[in-house]
């Protein structure tokens, strides 16, 4: 039985987008991080959070605790709208190796101006970003509750489930799939 037939037979098996996380790592704090935060805010309409370095790397001039990245998490309709634009930036193609065994996918955008509808601003510059998409099924909230439960292996998502969702919903082409 295919993933689409399973979804029709049992709505609990239909995958959905849990969240989309967009990350820009500048490697330095200061003005460049502020510009990256403005870019993320313009793209998503949300205020980004800053992330700090976990360790000191002297060769790169990074100190532990220094803010070096900014991140935004999108859920619901905002996530779907951003994904439509982000997939356009990569030509509606993603490598099959971008999927993990639980069906989540991550890809990079080399320049934020490749996203349709975004114009270059010489005051901000150009930034690349990482986009990570997490998927879930109904019933996954059990693992996030205070009393954690395990999800059965038959209910876990696979890469095939999310690939079929992305190809149907976003008309995405998976490169290098079997």
Protein backbone atom coordinates (compact mmCIF):
# COMPACT_ATOMS: atom_id res chain seq x y z
CA UNK A 1 0.00 0.00 0.00
CA UNK A 2 1.47 3.39 -0.99
CA UNK A 3 1.77 6.38 1.35
CA UNK A 4 -1.13 8.15 -0.39
CA UNK A 5 -3.40 5.10 -0.02
CA UNK A 6 -2.44 4.82 3.67
CA UNK A 7 -3.33 8.48 4.21
CA UNK A 8 -6.80 7.98 2.74
CA UNK A 9 -7.33 4.82 4.79
CA UNK A 10 -6.05 6.29 8.08
CA UNK A 11 -5.75 10.07 8.61
CA UNK A 12 -3.44 9.48 11.59
CA UNK A 13 -0.75 8.37 9.12
CA UNK A 14 -0.73 11.58 7.06
CA UNK A 15 2.53 13.51 7.45
CA UNK A 16 2.51 17.27 8.06
CA UNK A 17 5.05 20.03 8.50
CA UNK A 18 5.87 20.54 12.17
CA UNK A 19 8.27 23.47 11.77
CA UNK A 20 10.69 25.20 9.43
CA UNK A 21 13.91 26.53 10.93
CA UNK A 22 15.97 29.13 9.05
CA UNK A 23 19.54 29.73 10.23
CA UNK A 24 22.13 32.30 9.16
CA UNK A 25 25.56 31.85 10.69
CA UNK A 26 27.89 34.81 10.24
CA UNK A 27 30.74 33.55 12.42
CA UNK A 28 31.13 37.00 13.97
CA UNK A 29 29.11 39.26 16.18
CA UNK A 30 28.48 42.93 15.65
CA UNK A 31 27.23 44.74 12.58
CA UNK A 32 27.26 41.75 10.23
CA UNK A 33 25.06 39.75 12.64
CA UNK A 34 22.64 42.68 12.90
CA UNK A 35 22.39 42.80 9.10
CA UNK A 36 21.73 39.05 8.97
CA UNK A 37 18.98 39.49 11.58
CA UNK A 38 17.37 42.21 9.46
CA UNK A 39 17.45 39.93 6.41
CA UNK A 40 15.74 37.11 8.34
CA UNK A 41 13.16 39.51 9.71
CA UNK A 42 12.38 40.79 6.21
CA UNK A 43 12.07 37.25 4.83
CA UNK A 44 9.90 35.81 7.59
CA UNK A 45 8.19 38.69 9.36
CA UNK A 46 9.40 37.41 12.74
CA UNK A 47 12.12 38.60 15.10
CA UNK A 48 15.13 36.25 14.97
CA UNK A 49 16.90 34.87 18.03
CA UNK A 50 20.68 34.98 18.33
CA UNK A 51 22.75 31.87 18.95
CA UNK A 52 26.12 31.87 20.71
CA UNK A 53 29.31 29.97 20.01
CA UNK A 54 29.65 26.79 22.05
CA UNK A 55 33.43 26.79 22.10
CA UNK A 56 36.40 29.03 21.38
CA UNK A 57 38.10 28.69 18.00
CA UNK A 58 41.19 30.94 17.97
CA UNK A 59 41.95 30.41 14.29
CA UNK A 60 38.57 31.90 13.37
CA UNK A 61 38.57 34.56 16.08
CA UNK A 62 35.48 33.15 17.81
CA UNK A 63 35.10 33.20 21.59
CA UNK A 64 32.83 30.94 23.63
CA UNK A 65 29.52 32.67 24.37
CA UNK A 66 29.90 35.21 21.55
CA UNK A 67 26.73 35.55 19.41
CA UNK A 68 27.57 34.29 15.90
CA UNK A 69 24.25 33.23 14.32
CA UNK A 70 20.57 34.10 14.13
CA UNK A 71 17.65 31.72 13.76
CA UNK A 72 13.89 31.84 13.12
CA UNK A 73 11.35 29.04 13.56
CA UNK A 74 8.16 29.11 11.47
CA UNK A 75 5.06 26.99 11.99
CA UNK A 76 1.71 26.62 10.24
CA UNK A 77 0.82 28.76 7.22
CA UNK A 78 3.93 30.94 7.58
CA UNK A 79 6.08 27.85 7.23
CA UNK A 80 4.27 26.67 4.11
CA UNK A 81 4.43 30.12 2.48
CA UNK A 82 8.15 30.41 3.18
CA UNK A 83 8.82 26.89 1.88
CA UNK A 84 7.12 27.67 -1.43
CA UNK A 85 9.48 30.61 -1.90
CA UNK A 86 12.54 28.74 -0.60
CA UNK A 87 11.98 25.79 -2.94
CA UNK A 88 11.81 28.31 -5.79
CA UNK A 89 15.28 29.53 -4.81
CA UNK A 90 16.73 26.03 -5.29
CA UNK A 91 14.88 25.43 -8.56
CA UNK A 92 12.26 23.10 -7.00
CA UNK A 93 14.94 20.40 -6.77
CA UNK A 94 16.40 18.76 -3.68
CA UNK A 95 18.92 15.96 -3.41
CA UNK A 96 17.71 12.67 -1.97
CA UNK A 97 20.68 12.75 0.41
CA UNK A 98 19.15 15.83 2.09
CA UNK A 99 16.60 13.60 3.85
CA UNK A 100 17.35 11.82 7.10
CA UNK A 101 15.94 8.43 8.13
CA UNK A 102 13.08 10.08 10.06
CA UNK A 103 11.94 12.03 7.02
CA UNK A 104 13.25 15.49 7.95
CA UNK A 105 14.96 17.50 5.24
CA UNK A 106 17.60 20.23 5.24
CA UNK A 107 18.95 22.29 2.36
CA UNK A 108 20.92 25.46 1.85
CA UNK A 109 20.30 28.66 -0.07
CA UNK A 110 23.56 30.24 -1.25
CA UNK A 111 22.25 33.80 -1.57
CA UNK A 112 19.05 35.11 -0.02
CA UNK A 113 18.38 37.23 -3.12
CA UNK A 114 17.70 34.00 -5.05
CA UNK A 115 14.38 33.71 -3.19
CA UNK A 116 11.60 34.97 -5.49
CA UNK A 117 10.36 38.42 -4.55
CA UNK A 118 13.50 39.45 -2.64
CA UNK A 119 15.49 42.44 -3.88
CA UNK A 120 19.14 43.24 -3.22
CA UNK A 121 19.77 45.93 -0.61
CA UNK A 122 23.34 47.25 -0.70
CA UNK A 123 23.06 48.31 2.96
CA UNK A 124 22.46 44.71 4.07
CA UNK A 125 24.55 42.67 1.63
CA UNK A 126 24.04 39.03 0.66
CA UNK A 127 23.67 36.12 3.07
CA UNK A 128 23.35 32.37 2.67
CA UNK A 129 21.12 30.34 4.92
CA UNK A 130 20.25 26.83 6.03
CA UNK A 131 16.63 25.70 5.93
CA UNK A 132 15.61 22.68 8.02
CA UNK A 133 12.11 21.20 7.74
CA UNK A 134 10.77 18.87 10.44
CA UNK A 135 7.79 16.63 9.74
CA UNK A 136 5.41 14.82 12.08
CA UNK A 137 2.25 12.75 12.18
CA UNK A 138 -0.75 13.14 14.42
CA UNK A 139 0.14 11.65 17.79
CA UNK A 140 3.74 12.90 17.81
CA UNK A 141 3.00 15.35 20.62
CA UNK A 142 3.24 12.40 23.02
CA UNK A 143 7.01 12.59 22.85
CA UNK A 144 6.94 16.29 23.86
CA UNK A 145 4.69 15.99 26.89
CA UNK A 146 5.96 16.07 30.46
CA UNK A 147 5.47 12.31 30.76
CA UNK A 148 7.26 11.22 27.62
CA UNK A 149 6.09 8.21 25.68
CA UNK A 150 7.70 6.43 22.80
CA UNK A 151 6.22 6.38 19.34
CA UNK A 152 5.88 2.97 17.76
CA UNK A 153 8.12 2.13 14.82
CA UNK A 154 5.14 1.60 12.52
CA UNK A 155 3.96 5.15 13.23
CA UNK A 156 7.36 6.80 12.65
CA UNK A 157 7.83 8.80 9.46
CA UNK A 158 10.26 7.71 6.78
CA UNK A 159 11.99 9.61 4.01
CA UNK A 160 9.63 8.03 1.45
CA UNK A 161 6.60 9.47 3.26
CA UNK A 162 7.94 13.00 3.29
CA UNK A 163 9.23 12.76 -0.29
CA UNK A 164 5.73 11.84 -1.46
CA UNK A 165 4.27 14.75 0.56
CA UNK A 166 6.75 17.25 -0.91
CA UNK A 167 6.33 16.04 -4.49
CA UNK A 168 2.53 16.20 -4.22
CA UNK A 169 2.11 19.43 -2.24
CA UNK A 170 5.04 21.53 -3.55
CA UNK A 171 5.72 19.88 -6.95
CA UNK A 172 9.27 19.26 -5.82
CA UNK A 173 11.71 17.13 -7.81
CA UNK A 174 13.98 14.80 -5.86
CA UNK A 175 17.36 14.42 -7.54
CA UNK A 176 19.28 11.19 -7.09
CA UNK A 177 16.35 9.18 -5.73
CA UNK A 178 15.96 5.52 -6.59
